[in-house]
Amino acid sequence: MAVSYNRLWKLLIDKKISKADLCNAAGLDPNTMTKLNRDEEVTLETLGKICAALGVNIGDIIDLLPQV
């Protein structure tokens, strides 16, 4: 399955939070943010940190896409 973080980017826009602010709030490594920008897989722990920092559930930040 492929992943898409478009929901995360839309949520950041709605909450007026920059990617740098998210990095700091969730304690993310810059390399992790690069993976997110490229729609690459990250650990469940990382997704949990993002959810905790934003006060949302995992379904609010990620979509699983079927591979064709």
N, C-alpha and C. Protein backbone atom coordinates (compact mmCIF):
# COMPACT_ATOMS: atom_id res chain seq x y z
N MET A 1 0.83 -1.19 0.00
CA MET A 1 0.00 0.00 0.00
C MET A 1 0.88 1.25 0.00
N ALA A 2 0.42 2.24 -0.70
CA ALA A 2 1.09 3.54 -0.72
C ALA A 2 0.41 4.44 0.31
N VAL A 3 1.15 5.43 0.77
CA VAL A 3 0.60 6.37 1.74
C VAL A 3 0.58 7.77 1.16
N SER A 4 -0.36 8.56 1.64
CA SER A 4 -0.45 9.96 1.26
C SER A 4 -0.66 10.78 2.53
N TYR A 5 0.12 11.84 2.66
CA TYR A 5 0.00 12.72 3.82
C TYR A 5 -0.70 14.03 3.46
N ASN A 6 -1.49 14.03 2.37
CA ASN A 6 -2.19 15.25 1.97
C ASN A 6 -3.10 15.76 3.08
N ARG A 7 -3.71 14.86 3.83
CA ARG A 7 -4.56 15.29 4.94
C ARG A 7 -3.76 16.06 5.99
N LEU A 8 -2.53 15.64 6.23
CA LEU A 8 -1.66 16.33 7.18
C LEU A 8 -1.37 17.73 6.70
N TRP A 9 -1.02 17.88 5.43
CA TRP A 9 -0.67 19.20 4.90
C TRP A 9 -1.87 20.14 4.93
N LYS A 10 -3.05 19.62 4.61
CA LYS A 10 -4.27 20.44 4.67
C LYS A 10 -4.58 20.85 6.11
N LEU A 11 -4.35 19.93 7.05
CA LEU A 11 -4.59 20.22 8.46
C LEU A 11 -3.64 21.32 8.95
N LEU A 12 -2.39 21.25 8.54
CA LEU A 12 -1.43 22.29 8.93
C LEU A 12 -1.86 23.66 8.39
N ILE A 13 -2.35 23.68 7.16
CA ILE A 13 -2.83 24.94 6.59
C ILE A 13 -4.02 25.46 7.38
N ASP A 14 -4.97 24.57 7.69
CA ASP A 14 -6.16 24.98 8.44
C ASP A 14 -5.81 25.51 9.82
N LYS A 15 -4.82 24.90 10.45
CA LYS A 15 -4.42 25.32 11.80
C LYS A 15 -3.35 26.41 11.79
N LYS A 16 -2.93 26.80 10.57
CA LYS A 16 -1.90 27.84 10.39
C LYS A 16 -0.62 27.48 11.14
N ILE A 17 -0.19 26.23 10.93
CA ILE A 17 1.04 25.71 11.54
C ILE A 17 2.02 25.41 10.42
N SER A 18 3.25 25.87 10.56
CA SER A 18 4.26 25.59 9.54
C SER A 18 4.84 24.19 9.76
N LYS A 19 5.48 23.68 8.74
CA LYS A 19 6.13 22.37 8.86
C LYS A 19 7.25 22.43 9.89
N ALA A 20 7.95 23.55 9.97
CA ALA A 20 9.02 23.71 10.96
C ALA A 20 8.44 23.69 12.37
N ASP A 21 7.30 24.35 12.56
CA ASP A 21 6.65 24.35 13.88
C ASP A 21 6.21 22.94 14.26
N LEU A 22 5.70 22.19 13.30
CA LEU A 22 5.31 20.80 13.56
C LEU A 22 6.53 19.98 13.95
N CYS A 23 7.63 20.17 13.24
CA CYS A 23 8.88 19.46 13.55
C CYS A 23 9.27 19.69 15.01
N ASN A 24 9.24 20.94 15.42
CA ASN A 24 9.62 21.29 16.79
C ASN A 24 8.62 20.75 17.81
N ALA A 25 7.33 20.89 17.54
CA ALA A 25 6.30 20.47 18.49
C ALA A 25 6.28 18.95 18.69
N ALA A 26 6.52 18.21 17.60
CA ALA A 26 6.46 16.75 17.67
C ALA A 26 7.84 16.13 17.91
N GLY A 27 8.89 16.94 17.90
CA GLY A 27 10.24 16.42 18.10
C GLY A 27 10.71 15.55 16.94
N LEU A 28 10.40 15.99 15.73
CA LEU A 28 10.75 15.21 14.55
C LEU A 28 12.11 15.61 14.01
N ASP A 29 12.80 14.65 13.44
CA ASP A 29 14.07 14.86 12.77
C ASP A 29 13.79 15.44 11.38
N PRO A 30 14.63 16.34 10.89
CA PRO A 30 14.41 16.88 9.54
C PRO A 30 14.32 15.80 8.46
N ASN A 31 15.03 14.70 8.63
CA ASN A 31 14.95 13.61 7.66
C ASN A 31 13.56 12.98 7.63
N THR A 32 12.91 12.95 8.78
CA THR A 32 11.55 12.43 8.84
C THR A 32 10.61 13.33 8.07
N MET A 33 10.79 14.64 8.20
CA MET A 33 9.94 15.58 7.46
C MET A 33 10.16 15.41 5.96
N THR A 34 11.37 15.11 5.54
CA THR A 34 11.64 14.85 4.13
C THR A 34 10.87 13.63 3.66
N LYS A 35 10.86 12.58 4.47
CA LYS A 35 10.09 11.38 4.12
C LYS A 35 8.61 11.70 3.99
N LEU A 36 8.09 12.50 4.91
CA LEU A 36 6.68 12.87 4.85
C LEU A 36 6.39 13.66 3.58
N ASN A 37 7.27 14.58 3.22
CA ASN A 37 7.09 15.39 2.01
C ASN A 37 7.08 14.52 0.76
N ARG A 38 7.79 13.43 0.79
CA ARG A 38 7.88 12.52 -0.37
C ARG A 38 6.84 11.40 -0.33
N ASP A 39 5.92 11.45 0.64
CA ASP A 39 4.90 10.40 0.83
C ASP A 39 5.53 9.03 1.03
N GLU A 40 6.65 9.00 1.76
CA GLU A 40 7.29 7.74 2.10
C GLU A 40 6.79 7.28 3.46
N GLU A 41 6.95 5.99 3.72
CA GLU A 41 6.49 5.43 4.99
C GLU A 41 7.37 5.90 6.15
N VAL A 42 6.72 6.19 7.27
CA VAL A 42 7.42 6.51 8.51
C VAL A 42 6.86 5.58 9.59
N THR A 43 7.50 5.56 10.75
CA THR A 43 7.08 4.64 11.80
C THR A 43 5.76 5.08 12.42
N LEU A 44 5.09 4.13 13.01
CA LEU A 44 3.85 4.41 13.73
C LEU A 44 4.13 5.33 14.92
N GLU A 45 5.29 5.20 15.52
CA GLU A 45 5.69 6.08 16.62
C GLU A 45 5.74 7.54 16.15
N THR A 46 6.29 7.77 14.97
CA THR A 46 6.36 9.11 14.41
C THR A 46 4.97 9.66 14.16
N LEU A 47 4.09 8.84 13.59
CA LEU A 47 2.73 9.29 13.34
C LEU A 47 2.01 9.60 14.65
N GLY A 48 2.30 8.82 15.68
CA GLY A 48 1.73 9.07 17.00
C GLY A 48 2.18 10.40 17.57
N LYS A 49 3.45 10.74 17.39
CA LYS A 49 3.97 12.03 17.86
C LYS A 49 3.28 13.19 17.15
N ILE A 50 3.07 13.03 15.85
CA ILE A 50 2.41 14.08 15.08
C ILE A 50 0.96 14.25 15.56
N CYS A 51 0.28 13.13 15.75
CA CYS A 51 -1.11 13.18 16.22
C CYS A 51 -1.20 13.84 17.59
N ALA A 52 -0.28 13.49 18.47
CA ALA A 52 -0.29 14.08 19.81
C ALA A 52 -0.04 15.58 19.75
N ALA A 53 0.89 16.00 18.90
CA ALA A 53 1.22 17.43 18.79
C ALA A 53 0.05 18.23 18.21
N LEU A 54 -0.72 17.62 17.32
CA LEU A 54 -1.83 18.32 16.68
C LEU A 54 -3.17 18.06 17.35
N GLY A 55 -3.24 17.07 18.24
CA GLY A 55 -4.49 16.73 18.91
C GLY A 55 -5.51 16.09 17.98
N VAL A 56 -5.03 15.20 17.12
CA VAL A 56 -5.90 14.54 16.14
C VAL A 56 -5.67 13.02 16.17
N ASN A 57 -6.47 12.29 15.42
CA ASN A 57 -6.31 10.85 15.27
C ASN A 57 -5.54 10.57 13.98
N ILE A 58 -5.00 9.37 13.88
CA ILE A 58 -4.16 9.01 12.74
C ILE A 58 -4.89 9.13 11.40
N GLY A 59 -6.18 8.84 11.39
CA GLY A 59 -6.96 8.95 10.16
C GLY A 59 -7.10 10.38 9.66
N ASP A 60 -6.81 11.33 10.54
CA ASP A 60 -6.88 12.74 10.16
C ASP A 60 -5.64 13.22 9.41
N ILE A 61 -4.57 12.42 9.42
CA ILE A 61 -3.32 12.88 8.81
C ILE A 61 -2.79 11.99 7.70
N ILE A 62 -3.38 10.81 7.49
CA ILE A 62 -2.81 9.87 6.52
C ILE A 62 -3.93 9.16 5.76
N ASP A 63 -3.66 8.88 4.50
CA ASP A 63 -4.53 8.05 3.68
C ASP A 63 -3.70 6.88 3.17
N LEU A 64 -4.27 5.69 3.19
CA LEU A 64 -3.63 4.52 2.59
C LEU A 64 -4.24 4.33 1.22
N LEU A 65 -3.38 4.27 0.21
CA LEU A 65 -3.84 4.15 -1.16
C LEU A 65 -3.49 2.78 -1.71
N PRO A 66 -4.43 2.14 -2.39
CA PRO A 66 -4.12 0.84 -2.99
C PRO A 66 -3.13 1.02 -4.12
N GLN A 67 -2.20 0.10 -4.22
CA GLN A 67 -1.22 0.14 -5.31
C GLN A 67 -1.83 -0.48 -6.54
N VAL A 68 -1.55 0.12 -7.66
CA VAL A 68 -2.14 -0.37 -8.92
C VAL A 68 -1.19 -1.32 -9.60
